[in-house]
Amino acid sequence: MKVLVIGANGQIGQKVVNLLQTHGQHTVRAMVRKEEQLEKLKSKKIEAVYASLEGTVKELEAAMKGCDAVIFTAGSGGSTGSDKTLLIDLDGAAKSIEAAENVGVNRFIMVSALQAHHRENWNEDLKPYYVAKHYADKILEASSLDYTIIRPGGLTNDAGTNKVEVATNLTRGTIPREDVAKVVISSLTEEGTYKKAFDLLAGDKSIEQALKTL
């Protein structure tokens, strides 16, 4: 597959791009929102495109053309206000979904947040973020796309273990960003993940085994 990674400069996004670049099975196009990010990727021989989630749907369509799949791992970040969360994590996701439908990119993977589908389990300190993720996921589920929604727990920079737990509902826990990136890539062609949404934590099953349980 030719895969567009939206949020390619984020912590998970960078890992996804690097894994796809060395994977062999897929090719990657990284989408970034700053010129210096674009040049840095191109210097590493990684195909990159400039587009903003605060821009138009047409701009996103142009970034996606020629791709077979989209991985959405963008986020406004912890240092911004609720306004940017609304514009990036919700409206940016909604525009990306619309653009994918418009240009016929049917495979769409969303990196969401643990328990985003259950309001009663939202972190009170991150409520706007969870609201944005909740409704972005709902928009994706209502779309015509072959989606997968991955809801990881607390993200760490520990080395990946390739051992995870997946289920519709999991309690609080953590997972290395490296393992999230690997689950995202494994999900691309794992048809058992199509039209599915699941929580993701560190666990004791291999990624391949865990995804087969969905």
N, C-alpha and C. Protein backbone atom coordinates (compact mmCIF):
# COMPACT_ATOMS: atom_id res chain seq x y z
N MET A 1 0.83 -1.20 0.00
CA MET A 1 0.00 0.00 0.00
C MET A 1 0.87 1.26 0.00
N LYS A 2 0.35 2.29 -0.64
CA LYS A 2 0.93 3.63 -0.52
C LYS A 2 0.17 4.31 0.61
N VAL A 3 0.88 4.73 1.66
CA VAL A 3 0.24 5.18 2.90
C VAL A 3 0.58 6.64 3.18
N LEU A 4 -0.45 7.48 3.34
CA LEU A 4 -0.26 8.85 3.77
C LEU A 4 -0.33 8.89 5.29
N VAL A 5 0.70 9.42 5.92
CA VAL A 5 0.71 9.58 7.38
C VAL A 5 0.45 11.04 7.71
N ILE A 6 -0.70 11.31 8.31
CA ILE A 6 -1.06 12.66 8.75
C ILE A 6 -0.61 12.81 10.19
N GLY A 7 0.18 13.86 10.44
CA GLY A 7 0.79 14.01 11.76
C GLY A 7 2.15 13.35 11.80
N ALA A 8 2.85 13.38 10.66
CA ALA A 8 4.11 12.65 10.50
C ALA A 8 5.22 13.19 11.39
N ASN A 9 5.07 14.40 11.90
CA ASN A 9 6.11 14.96 12.76
C ASN A 9 5.84 14.71 14.24
N GLY A 10 4.69 14.12 14.56
CA GLY A 10 4.39 13.81 15.96
C GLY A 10 5.19 12.62 16.45
N GLN A 11 5.10 12.36 17.74
CA GLN A 11 5.94 11.30 18.32
C GLN A 11 5.59 9.92 17.78
N ILE A 12 4.30 9.63 17.66
CA ILE A 12 3.90 8.34 17.05
C ILE A 12 4.10 8.42 15.54
N GLY A 13 3.73 9.55 14.95
CA GLY A 13 3.85 9.72 13.51
C GLY A 13 5.25 9.47 12.99
N GLN A 14 6.25 9.98 13.69
CA GLN A 14 7.63 9.77 13.27
C GLN A 14 7.99 8.29 13.27
N LYS A 15 7.54 7.57 14.29
CA LYS A 15 7.83 6.14 14.37
C LYS A 15 7.11 5.38 13.26
N VAL A 16 5.87 5.77 12.97
CA VAL A 16 5.13 5.13 11.88
C VAL A 16 5.84 5.35 10.55
N VAL A 17 6.25 6.58 10.30
CA VAL A 17 6.93 6.90 9.04
C VAL A 17 8.22 6.10 8.90
N ASN A 18 9.02 6.08 9.96
CA ASN A 18 10.31 5.37 9.89
C ASN A 18 10.11 3.87 9.70
N LEU A 19 9.11 3.30 10.37
CA LEU A 19 8.83 1.87 10.20
C LEU A 19 8.34 1.56 8.79
N LEU A 20 7.46 2.41 8.27
CA LEU A 20 6.97 2.19 6.91
C LEU A 20 8.10 2.33 5.89
N GLN A 21 9.00 3.27 6.14
CA GLN A 21 10.10 3.52 5.21
C GLN A 21 11.02 2.31 5.11
N THR A 22 11.15 1.56 6.21
CA THR A 22 12.04 0.40 6.21
C THR A 22 11.29 -0.93 6.11
N HIS A 23 9.97 -0.86 6.04
CA HIS A 23 9.12 -2.06 6.11
C HIS A 23 9.26 -2.94 4.88
N GLY A 24 9.29 -2.30 3.71
CA GLY A 24 9.40 -3.07 2.48
C GLY A 24 8.07 -3.39 1.84
N GLN A 25 7.06 -3.71 2.66
CA GLN A 25 5.75 -4.10 2.12
C GLN A 25 4.96 -2.89 1.64
N HIS A 26 5.15 -1.73 2.29
CA HIS A 26 4.40 -0.53 1.96
C HIS A 26 5.34 0.62 1.61
N THR A 27 4.78 1.64 0.99
CA THR A 27 5.53 2.88 0.78
C THR A 27 4.81 4.00 1.53
N VAL A 28 5.56 5.04 1.89
CA VAL A 28 5.02 6.08 2.76
C VAL A 28 5.11 7.46 2.12
N ARG A 29 4.10 8.26 2.40
CA ARG A 29 4.12 9.70 2.09
C ARG A 29 3.80 10.42 3.39
N ALA A 30 4.70 11.25 3.86
CA ALA A 30 4.53 11.93 5.14
C ALA A 30 3.92 13.30 4.93
N MET A 31 2.86 13.61 5.67
CA MET A 31 2.24 14.93 5.59
C MET A 31 2.62 15.76 6.81
N VAL A 32 3.19 16.93 6.55
CA VAL A 32 3.61 17.83 7.63
C VAL A 32 3.08 19.24 7.35
N ARG A 33 3.15 20.10 8.37
CA ARG A 33 2.56 21.44 8.24
C ARG A 33 3.59 22.57 8.27
N LYS A 34 4.88 22.22 8.29
CA LYS A 34 5.93 23.25 8.28
C LYS A 34 6.97 22.91 7.22
N GLU A 35 7.47 23.97 6.56
CA GLU A 35 8.44 23.77 5.48
C GLU A 35 9.71 23.09 5.97
N GLU A 36 10.17 23.44 7.19
CA GLU A 36 11.41 22.84 7.69
C GLU A 36 11.23 21.35 7.95
N GLN A 37 10.01 20.96 8.35
CA GLN A 37 9.73 19.53 8.55
C GLN A 37 9.77 18.81 7.21
N LEU A 38 9.25 19.47 6.19
CA LEU A 38 9.23 18.90 4.84
C LEU A 38 10.66 18.66 4.34
N GLU A 39 11.51 19.65 4.50
CA GLU A 39 12.89 19.54 4.03
C GLU A 39 13.66 18.47 4.79
N LYS A 40 13.40 18.35 6.09
CA LYS A 40 14.08 17.34 6.91
C LYS A 40 13.75 15.94 6.42
N LEU A 41 12.46 15.70 6.12
CA LEU A 41 12.04 14.39 5.63
C LEU A 41 12.64 14.09 4.26
N LYS A 42 12.61 15.10 3.40
CA LYS A 42 13.15 14.90 2.05
C LYS A 42 14.65 14.60 2.09
N SER A 43 15.35 15.18 3.07
CA SER A 43 16.79 14.92 3.20
C SER A 43 17.06 13.48 3.59
N LYS A 44 16.04 12.81 4.17
CA LYS A 44 16.16 11.39 4.53
C LYS A 44 15.59 10.49 3.44
N LYS A 45 15.30 11.07 2.27
CA LYS A 45 14.76 10.33 1.13
C LYS A 45 13.35 9.80 1.40
N ILE A 46 12.62 10.51 2.27
CA ILE A 46 11.23 10.15 2.56
C ILE A 46 10.31 11.09 1.78
N GLU A 47 9.38 10.51 1.03
CA GLU A 47 8.43 11.34 0.29
C GLU A 47 7.57 12.14 1.28
N ALA A 48 7.49 13.43 1.06
CA ALA A 48 6.76 14.28 2.00
C ALA A 48 5.94 15.31 1.25
N VAL A 49 4.85 15.73 1.89
CA VAL A 49 3.95 16.71 1.29
C VAL A 49 3.54 17.70 2.37
N TYR A 50 3.40 18.95 1.96
CA TYR A 50 2.98 20.00 2.89
C TYR A 50 1.47 20.19 2.78
N ALA A 51 0.80 20.13 3.92
CA ALA A 51 -0.64 20.42 3.98
C ALA A 51 -1.00 20.68 5.44
N SER A 52 -2.02 21.47 5.65
CA SER A 52 -2.44 21.82 7.00
C SER A 52 -3.84 21.31 7.28
N LEU A 53 -4.02 20.77 8.48
CA LEU A 53 -5.35 20.31 8.88
C LEU A 53 -6.29 21.48 9.14
N GLU A 54 -5.75 22.67 9.20
CA GLU A 54 -6.58 23.86 9.31
C GLU A 54 -6.87 24.47 7.94
N GLY A 55 -6.37 23.83 6.89
CA GLY A 55 -6.62 24.27 5.54
C GLY A 55 -7.92 23.69 4.99
N THR A 56 -7.99 23.58 3.68
CA THR A 56 -9.22 23.14 3.03
C THR A 56 -9.24 21.64 2.81
N VAL A 57 -10.42 21.12 2.57
CA VAL A 57 -10.56 19.70 2.21
C VAL A 57 -9.82 19.44 0.90
N LYS A 58 -9.88 20.38 -0.02
CA LYS A 58 -9.20 20.22 -1.32
C LYS A 58 -7.70 20.04 -1.13
N GLU A 59 -7.14 20.79 -0.18
CA GLU A 59 -5.71 20.67 0.11
C GLU A 59 -5.37 19.26 0.60
N LEU A 60 -6.23 18.73 1.44
CA LEU A 60 -6.02 17.37 1.95
C LEU A 60 -6.23 16.33 0.85
N GLU A 61 -7.19 16.57 -0.03
CA GLU A 61 -7.40 15.67 -1.16
C GLU A 61 -6.14 15.57 -2.02
N ALA A 62 -5.51 16.73 -2.26
CA ALA A 62 -4.30 16.76 -3.07
C ALA A 62 -3.17 15.97 -2.40
N ALA A 63 -3.09 16.06 -1.07
CA ALA A 63 -2.06 15.34 -0.33
C ALA A 63 -2.26 13.83 -0.40
N MET A 64 -3.53 13.41 -0.50
CA MET A 64 -3.88 11.98 -0.48
C MET A 64 -3.86 11.31 -1.84
N LYS A 65 -3.96 12.08 -2.90
CA LYS A 65 -4.10 11.49 -4.23
C LYS A 65 -2.99 10.51 -4.53
N GLY A 66 -3.37 9.33 -5.01
CA GLY A 66 -2.39 8.31 -5.34
C GLY A 66 -2.09 7.36 -4.19
N CYS A 67 -2.69 7.62 -3.03
CA CYS A 67 -2.46 6.75 -1.87
C CYS A 67 -3.58 5.70 -1.76
N ASP A 68 -3.27 4.62 -1.05
CA ASP A 68 -4.24 3.55 -0.81
C ASP A 68 -4.79 3.58 0.60
N ALA A 69 -4.10 4.27 1.50
CA ALA A 69 -4.50 4.29 2.90
C ALA A 69 -4.05 5.59 3.55
N VAL A 70 -4.77 5.95 4.62
CA VAL A 70 -4.42 7.12 5.43
C VAL A 70 -4.27 6.66 6.87
N ILE A 71 -3.20 7.11 7.51
CA ILE A 71 -3.04 6.93 8.96
C ILE A 71 -3.11 8.32 9.58
N PHE A 72 -4.11 8.51 10.45
CA PHE A 72 -4.28 9.82 11.11
C PHE A 72 -3.74 9.71 12.53
N THR A 73 -2.59 10.34 12.75
CA THR A 73 -1.98 10.32 14.07
C THR A 73 -1.61 11.73 14.50
N ALA A 74 -2.37 12.70 13.96
CA ALA A 74 -2.11 14.11 14.29
C ALA A 74 -2.77 14.48 15.60
N GLY A 75 -2.23 15.50 16.23
CA GLY A 75 -2.82 16.03 17.46
C GLY A 75 -2.32 17.44 17.68
N SER A 76 -3.13 18.23 18.36
CA SER A 76 -2.76 19.62 18.60
C SER A 76 -1.67 19.76 19.65
N GLY A 77 -1.46 18.70 20.45
CA GLY A 77 -0.41 18.74 21.46
C GLY A 77 -0.88 19.30 22.78
N GLY A 78 -0.14 18.99 23.82
CA GLY A 78 -0.54 19.38 25.17
C GLY A 78 -0.33 20.84 25.50
N SER A 79 0.43 21.56 24.67
CA SER A 79 0.74 22.95 24.99
C SER A 79 -0.23 23.94 24.36
N THR A 80 -1.20 23.45 23.61
CA THR A 80 -2.16 24.34 22.97
C THR A 80 -3.47 24.37 23.75
N GLY A 81 -4.33 25.30 23.37
CA GLY A 81 -5.62 25.43 24.06
C GLY A 81 -6.69 24.57 23.42
N SER A 82 -7.89 24.66 24.00
CA SER A 82 -9.02 23.86 23.52
C SER A 82 -9.42 24.23 22.10
N ASP A 83 -9.12 25.48 21.70
CA ASP A 83 -9.48 25.90 20.35
C ASP A 83 -8.72 25.09 19.31
N LYS A 84 -7.42 24.87 19.54
CA LYS A 84 -6.62 24.07 18.59
C LYS A 84 -7.02 22.60 18.64
N THR A 85 -7.40 22.12 19.82
CA THR A 85 -7.89 20.74 19.93
C THR A 85 -9.11 20.55 19.04
N LEU A 86 -10.01 21.54 19.06
CA LEU A 86 -11.21 21.49 18.24
C LEU A 86 -10.85 21.53 16.75
N LEU A 87 -9.90 22.39 16.38
CA LEU A 87 -9.56 22.58 14.97
C LEU A 87 -8.74 21.42 14.39
N ILE A 88 -7.87 20.84 15.19
CA ILE A 88 -6.99 19.77 14.69
C ILE A 88 -7.58 18.39 14.95
N ASP A 89 -7.84 18.08 16.22
CA ASP A 89 -8.23 16.72 16.60
C ASP A 89 -9.65 16.37 16.16
N LEU A 90 -10.51 17.36 16.03
CA LEU A 90 -11.88 17.10 15.58
C LEU A 90 -12.08 17.53 14.12
N ASP A 91 -12.00 18.82 13.86
CA ASP A 91 -12.30 19.27 12.50
C ASP A 91 -11.25 18.79 11.50
N GLY A 92 -9.99 18.76 11.91
CA GLY A 92 -8.94 18.26 11.02
C GLY A 92 -9.16 16.80 10.66
N ALA A 93 -9.57 16.03 11.66
CA ALA A 93 -9.89 14.61 11.40
C ALA A 93 -11.09 14.48 10.49
N ALA A 94 -12.13 15.28 10.75
CA ALA A 94 -13.35 15.23 9.93
C ALA A 94 -13.05 15.59 8.48
N LYS A 95 -12.22 16.60 8.27
CA LYS A 95 -11.86 16.99 6.90
C LYS A 95 -11.03 15.91 6.22
N SER A 96 -10.18 15.25 6.98
CA SER A 96 -9.37 14.17 6.41
C SER A 96 -10.23 13.00 5.97
N ILE A 97 -11.24 12.68 6.77
CA ILE A 97 -12.18 11.61 6.43
C ILE A 97 -12.95 11.99 5.16
N GLU A 98 -13.42 13.21 5.10
CA GLU A 98 -14.15 13.69 3.91
C GLU A 98 -13.26 13.64 2.68
N ALA A 99 -12.02 14.07 2.83
CA ALA A 99 -11.09 14.08 1.70
C ALA A 99 -10.83 12.65 1.21
N ALA A 100 -10.65 11.72 2.15
CA ALA A 100 -10.39 10.33 1.78
C ALA A 100 -11.57 9.76 0.99
N GLU A 101 -12.78 10.04 1.43
CA GLU A 101 -13.97 9.58 0.70
C GLU A 101 -14.02 10.20 -0.69
N ASN A 102 -13.69 11.47 -0.78
CA ASN A 102 -13.78 12.19 -2.06
C ASN A 102 -12.82 11.65 -3.11
N VAL A 103 -11.63 11.22 -2.66
CA VAL A 103 -10.63 10.76 -3.64
C VAL A 103 -10.52 9.24 -3.70
N GLY A 104 -11.37 8.53 -2.94
CA GLY A 104 -11.42 7.08 -3.03
C GLY A 104 -10.30 6.35 -2.31
N VAL A 105 -9.76 6.97 -1.25
CA VAL A 105 -8.79 6.27 -0.40
C VAL A 105 -9.58 5.57 0.69
N ASN A 106 -9.83 4.29 0.52
CA ASN A 106 -10.81 3.61 1.36
C ASN A 106 -10.31 3.14 2.71
N ARG A 107 -9.00 2.95 2.85
CA ARG A 107 -8.45 2.45 4.12
C ARG A 107 -8.03 3.63 5.00
N PHE A 108 -8.54 3.68 6.22
CA PHE A 108 -8.28 4.83 7.10
C PHE A 108 -8.08 4.32 8.52
N ILE A 109 -6.92 4.60 9.07
CA ILE A 109 -6.62 4.21 10.45
C ILE A 109 -6.52 5.46 11.32
N MET A 110 -7.29 5.48 12.39
CA MET A 110 -7.33 6.61 13.31
C MET A 110 -6.65 6.21 14.63
N VAL A 111 -5.69 7.02 15.06
CA VAL A 111 -5.13 6.84 16.40
C VAL A 111 -5.93 7.73 17.34
N SER A 112 -6.69 7.12 18.21
CA SER A 112 -7.59 7.83 19.11
C SER A 112 -7.01 7.80 20.54
N ALA A 113 -7.86 7.61 21.54
CA ALA A 113 -7.41 7.59 22.93
C ALA A 113 -8.20 6.56 23.72
N LEU A 114 -7.55 5.93 24.67
CA LEU A 114 -8.18 4.89 25.48
C LEU A 114 -9.50 5.37 26.06
N GLN A 115 -10.55 4.57 25.82
CA GLN A 115 -11.89 4.83 26.37
C GLN A 115 -12.52 6.13 25.85
N ALA A 116 -12.08 6.58 24.69
CA ALA A 116 -12.70 7.77 24.10
C ALA A 116 -14.18 7.55 23.82
N HIS A 117 -14.58 6.28 23.71
CA HIS A 117 -15.99 5.96 23.40
C HIS A 117 -16.88 5.93 24.64
N HIS A 118 -16.30 6.09 25.83
CA HIS A 118 -17.07 6.05 27.07
C HIS A 118 -16.86 7.33 27.88
N ARG A 119 -17.83 8.22 27.83
CA ARG A 119 -17.68 9.51 28.49
C ARG A 119 -17.35 9.39 29.97
N GLU A 120 -17.93 8.40 30.65
CA GLU A 120 -17.73 8.28 32.10
C GLU A 120 -16.29 7.93 32.47
N ASN A 121 -15.49 7.55 31.49
CA ASN A 121 -14.10 7.18 31.78
C ASN A 121 -13.09 8.22 31.28
N TRP A 122 -13.57 9.38 30.87
CA TRP A 122 -12.67 10.41 30.36
C TRP A 122 -11.87 11.05 31.49
N ASN A 123 -10.63 11.39 31.18
CA ASN A 123 -9.78 12.13 32.11
C ASN A 123 -10.30 13.56 32.21
N GLU A 124 -10.68 13.98 33.40
CA GLU A 124 -11.27 15.30 33.61
C GLU A 124 -10.34 16.43 33.16
N ASP A 125 -9.03 16.21 33.30
CA ASP A 125 -8.07 17.25 32.92
C ASP A 125 -7.90 17.37 31.41
N LEU A 126 -8.39 16.37 30.68
CA LEU A 126 -8.21 16.36 29.22
C LEU A 126 -9.56 16.29 28.50
N LYS A 127 -10.59 16.82 29.12
CA LYS A 127 -11.94 16.63 28.59
C LYS A 127 -12.11 17.15 27.16
N PRO A 128 -11.64 18.36 26.81
CA PRO A 128 -11.80 18.81 25.41
C PRO A 128 -11.15 17.86 24.41
N TYR A 129 -10.00 17.31 24.79
CA TYR A 129 -9.30 16.35 23.92
C TYR A 129 -10.15 15.10 23.72
N TYR A 130 -10.74 14.59 24.80
CA TYR A 130 -11.58 13.39 24.69
C TYR A 130 -12.86 13.66 23.91
N VAL A 131 -13.43 14.84 24.08
CA VAL A 131 -14.61 15.21 23.29
C VAL A 131 -14.26 15.18 21.80
N ALA A 132 -13.12 15.78 21.46
CA ALA A 132 -12.70 15.82 20.06
C ALA A 132 -12.48 14.41 19.51
N LYS A 133 -11.80 13.57 20.27
CA LYS A 133 -11.54 12.20 19.82
C LYS A 133 -12.84 11.41 19.69
N HIS A 134 -13.74 11.57 20.66
CA HIS A 134 -15.02 10.86 20.66
C HIS A 134 -15.79 11.13 19.37
N TYR A 135 -15.92 12.40 19.01
CA TYR A 135 -16.74 12.74 17.85
C TYR A 135 -16.01 12.51 16.53
N ALA A 136 -14.68 12.65 16.52
CA ALA A 136 -13.93 12.30 15.31
C ALA A 136 -14.10 10.81 15.01
N ASP A 137 -14.05 9.99 16.06
CA ASP A 137 -14.24 8.55 15.87
C ASP A 137 -15.64 8.24 15.35
N LYS A 138 -16.63 8.93 15.89
CA LYS A 138 -18.01 8.71 15.44
C LYS A 138 -18.19 9.08 13.97
N ILE A 139 -17.56 10.17 13.56
CA ILE A 139 -17.63 10.59 12.15
C ILE A 139 -16.99 9.52 11.26
N LEU A 140 -15.87 8.96 11.70
CA LEU A 140 -15.21 7.91 10.93
C LEU A 140 -16.06 6.65 10.85
N GLU A 141 -16.68 6.28 11.96
CA GLU A 141 -17.53 5.09 11.98
C GLU A 141 -18.75 5.24 11.07
N ALA A 142 -19.22 6.47 10.91
CA ALA A 142 -20.39 6.73 10.06
C ALA A 142 -20.02 6.89 8.59
N SER A 143 -18.72 6.90 8.28
CA SER A 143 -18.27 7.10 6.91
C SER A 143 -18.37 5.80 6.11
N SER A 144 -18.03 5.89 4.84
CA SER A 144 -18.03 4.71 3.96
C SER A 144 -16.68 4.00 3.96
N LEU A 145 -15.73 4.47 4.75
CA LEU A 145 -14.36 3.98 4.69
C LEU A 145 -14.17 2.65 5.43
N ASP A 146 -13.16 1.90 5.02
CA ASP A 146 -12.72 0.71 5.76
C ASP A 146 -11.80 1.21 6.87
N TYR A 147 -12.41 1.54 7.99
CA TYR A 147 -11.67 2.19 9.07
C TYR A 147 -11.18 1.19 10.11
N THR A 148 -10.17 1.61 10.84
CA THR A 148 -9.78 0.98 12.10
C THR A 148 -9.49 2.11 13.07
N ILE A 149 -10.07 2.04 14.27
CA ILE A 149 -9.83 3.05 15.30
C ILE A 149 -9.05 2.38 16.43
N ILE A 150 -7.86 2.89 16.68
CA ILE A 150 -6.97 2.32 17.70
C ILE A 150 -6.90 3.31 18.86
N ARG A 151 -7.27 2.85 20.06
CA ARG A 151 -7.34 3.73 21.22
C ARG A 151 -6.27 3.33 22.25
N PRO A 152 -5.04 3.86 22.11
CA PRO A 152 -3.98 3.47 23.04
C PRO A 152 -4.12 4.13 24.40
N GLY A 153 -3.57 3.45 25.40
CA GLY A 153 -3.53 4.00 26.76
C GLY A 153 -2.42 5.03 26.89
N GLY A 154 -1.98 5.24 28.12
CA GLY A 154 -0.93 6.23 28.36
C GLY A 154 0.33 5.90 27.57
N LEU A 155 0.85 6.89 26.86
CA LEU A 155 1.96 6.65 25.94
C LEU A 155 3.30 6.86 26.63
N THR A 156 4.22 5.92 26.43
CA THR A 156 5.56 6.03 27.01
C THR A 156 6.60 5.97 25.90
N ASN A 157 7.81 6.37 26.24
CA ASN A 157 8.93 6.27 25.31
C ASN A 157 9.81 5.06 25.60
N ASP A 158 9.26 4.11 26.35
CA ASP A 158 9.99 2.86 26.60
C ASP A 158 10.19 2.11 25.28
N ALA A 159 11.19 1.25 25.27
CA ALA A 159 11.40 0.40 24.08
C ALA A 159 10.20 -0.52 23.89
N GLY A 160 9.82 -0.71 22.64
CA GLY A 160 8.69 -1.59 22.35
C GLY A 160 8.99 -3.04 22.72
N THR A 161 7.95 -3.76 23.08
CA THR A 161 8.11 -5.17 23.45
C THR A 161 7.46 -6.12 22.44
N ASN A 162 6.66 -5.55 21.53
CA ASN A 162 5.88 -6.34 20.57
C ASN A 162 4.82 -7.20 21.26
N LYS A 163 4.52 -6.87 22.52
CA LYS A 163 3.52 -7.61 23.29
C LYS A 163 2.42 -6.63 23.70
N VAL A 164 1.18 -6.95 23.33
CA VAL A 164 0.09 -6.01 23.57
C VAL A 164 -1.17 -6.73 24.03
N GLU A 165 -2.13 -5.92 24.44
CA GLU A 165 -3.48 -6.40 24.75
C GLU A 165 -4.46 -5.51 24.00
N VAL A 166 -5.42 -6.11 23.33
CA VAL A 166 -6.45 -5.33 22.62
C VAL A 166 -7.82 -5.87 22.99
N ALA A 167 -8.78 -4.96 23.10
CA ALA A 167 -10.16 -5.34 23.40
C ALA A 167 -11.02 -4.10 23.23
N THR A 168 -12.33 -4.30 23.15
CA THR A 168 -13.25 -3.17 23.04
C THR A 168 -13.15 -2.27 24.25
N ASN A 169 -12.96 -2.86 25.42
CA ASN A 169 -12.85 -2.10 26.66
C ASN A 169 -11.71 -2.63 27.51
N LEU A 170 -10.77 -1.73 27.84
CA LEU A 170 -9.68 -2.08 28.73
C LEU A 170 -9.56 -1.02 29.82
N THR A 171 -9.04 -1.42 30.97
CA THR A 171 -8.84 -0.47 32.06
C THR A 171 -7.60 0.35 31.80
N ARG A 172 -7.35 1.30 32.66
CA ARG A 172 -6.21 2.21 32.48
C ARG A 172 -4.89 1.45 32.45
N GLY A 173 -3.99 1.95 31.63
CA GLY A 173 -2.67 1.35 31.52
C GLY A 173 -1.84 2.12 30.52
N THR A 174 -0.65 1.62 30.23
CA THR A 174 0.26 2.32 29.33
C THR A 174 0.71 1.42 28.19
N ILE A 175 1.38 2.03 27.23
CA ILE A 175 1.95 1.29 26.10
C ILE A 175 3.04 2.13 25.46
N PRO A 176 4.17 1.53 25.08
CA PRO A 176 5.20 2.29 24.38
C PRO A 176 4.71 2.79 23.02
N ARG A 177 5.11 4.00 22.67
CA ARG A 177 4.72 4.56 21.37
C ARG A 177 5.19 3.66 20.22
N GLU A 178 6.34 3.03 20.40
CA GLU A 178 6.86 2.14 19.36
C GLU A 178 5.89 1.00 19.06
N ASP A 179 5.29 0.44 20.10
CA ASP A 179 4.34 -0.64 19.90
C ASP A 179 3.03 -0.14 19.29
N VAL A 180 2.62 1.08 19.62
CA VAL A 180 1.44 1.66 18.98
C VAL A 180 1.69 1.76 17.48
N ALA A 181 2.86 2.26 17.11
CA ALA A 181 3.20 2.40 15.69
C ALA A 181 3.18 1.05 14.98
N LYS A 182 3.68 0.02 15.64
CA LYS A 182 3.70 -1.31 15.04
C LYS A 182 2.30 -1.88 14.87
N VAL A 183 1.43 -1.62 15.86
CA VAL A 183 0.04 -2.08 15.75
C VAL A 183 -0.66 -1.36 14.60
N VAL A 184 -0.40 -0.07 14.46
CA VAL A 184 -0.99 0.71 13.36
C VAL A 184 -0.61 0.08 12.02
N ILE A 185 0.66 -0.21 11.83
CA ILE A 185 1.13 -0.75 10.56
C ILE A 185 0.61 -2.16 10.33
N SER A 186 0.60 -2.98 11.38
CA SER A 186 0.07 -4.34 11.25
C SER A 186 -1.41 -4.33 10.89
N SER A 187 -2.12 -3.32 11.37
CA SER A 187 -3.56 -3.23 11.11
C SER A 187 -3.88 -2.90 9.66
N LEU A 188 -2.93 -2.30 8.95
CA LEU A 188 -3.19 -1.87 7.58
C LEU A 188 -3.78 -2.98 6.73
N THR A 189 -3.21 -4.18 6.84
CA THR A 189 -3.64 -5.29 5.97
C THR A 189 -4.32 -6.41 6.74
N GLU A 190 -4.53 -6.22 8.04
CA GLU A 190 -5.22 -7.23 8.85
C GLU A 190 -6.72 -6.98 8.75
N GLU A 191 -7.39 -7.75 7.89
CA GLU A 191 -8.80 -7.47 7.61
C GLU A 191 -9.70 -7.64 8.83
N GLY A 192 -9.22 -8.38 9.83
CA GLY A 192 -9.98 -8.52 11.06
C GLY A 192 -10.12 -7.22 11.84
N THR A 193 -9.29 -6.22 11.48
CA THR A 193 -9.38 -4.91 12.14
C THR A 193 -10.28 -3.94 11.38
N TYR A 194 -10.73 -4.32 10.18
CA TYR A 194 -11.56 -3.42 9.37
C TYR A 194 -12.91 -3.22 10.05
N LYS A 195 -13.36 -1.97 10.05
CA LYS A 195 -14.64 -1.59 10.68
C LYS A 195 -14.65 -1.94 12.18
N LYS A 196 -13.48 -1.85 12.80
CA LYS A 196 -13.36 -2.16 14.23
C LYS A 196 -12.72 -0.98 14.97
N ALA A 197 -13.07 -0.88 16.26
CA ALA A 197 -12.45 0.09 17.15
C ALA A 197 -12.05 -0.65 18.42
N PHE A 198 -10.85 -0.40 18.92
CA PHE A 198 -10.41 -1.16 20.09
C PHE A 198 -9.42 -0.37 20.94
N ASP A 199 -9.44 -0.67 22.24
CA ASP A 199 -8.45 -0.13 23.17
C ASP A 199 -7.16 -0.93 23.02
N LEU A 200 -6.03 -0.30 23.37
CA LEU A 200 -4.73 -0.92 23.19
C LEU A 200 -3.82 -0.60 24.37
N LEU A 201 -3.29 -1.64 25.00
CA LEU A 201 -2.34 -1.49 26.11
C LEU A 201 -1.19 -2.48 25.93
N ALA A 202 -0.14 -2.28 26.70
CA ALA A 202 0.91 -3.29 26.77
C ALA A 202 0.29 -4.57 27.33
N GLY A 203 0.74 -5.71 26.83
CA GLY A 203 0.14 -6.98 27.26
C GLY A 203 1.09 -8.13 27.12
N ASP A 204 0.54 -9.32 26.90
CA ASP A 204 1.39 -10.52 26.82
C ASP A 204 1.21 -11.30 25.52
N LYS A 205 0.42 -10.75 24.59
CA LYS A 205 0.26 -11.43 23.29
C LYS A 205 1.09 -10.70 22.23
N SER A 206 1.58 -11.44 21.25
CA SER A 206 2.24 -10.79 20.13
C SER A 206 1.22 -9.93 19.40
N ILE A 207 1.69 -8.92 18.70
CA ILE A 207 0.78 -8.03 17.98
C ILE A 207 -0.08 -8.82 17.00
N GLU A 208 0.54 -9.74 16.29
CA GLU A 208 -0.22 -10.56 15.32
C GLU A 208 -1.29 -11.38 16.01
N GLN A 209 -0.95 -12.02 17.13
CA GLN A 209 -1.93 -12.82 17.87
C GLN A 209 -3.05 -11.94 18.39
N ALA A 210 -2.69 -10.80 18.96
CA ALA A 210 -3.70 -9.92 19.57
C ALA A 210 -4.70 -9.44 18.54
N LEU A 211 -4.23 -9.03 17.37
CA LEU A 211 -5.14 -8.52 16.34
C LEU A 211 -6.06 -9.60 15.82
N LYS A 212 -5.63 -10.84 15.86
CA LYS A 212 -6.47 -11.95 15.40
C LYS A 212 -7.65 -12.21 16.34
N THR A 213 -7.59 -11.68 17.57
CA THR A 213 -8.66 -11.91 18.54
C THR A 213 -9.84 -10.95 18.36
N LEU A 214 -9.69 -9.95 17.52
CA LEU A 214 -10.75 -8.94 17.38
C LEU A 214 -11.97 -9.50 16.66
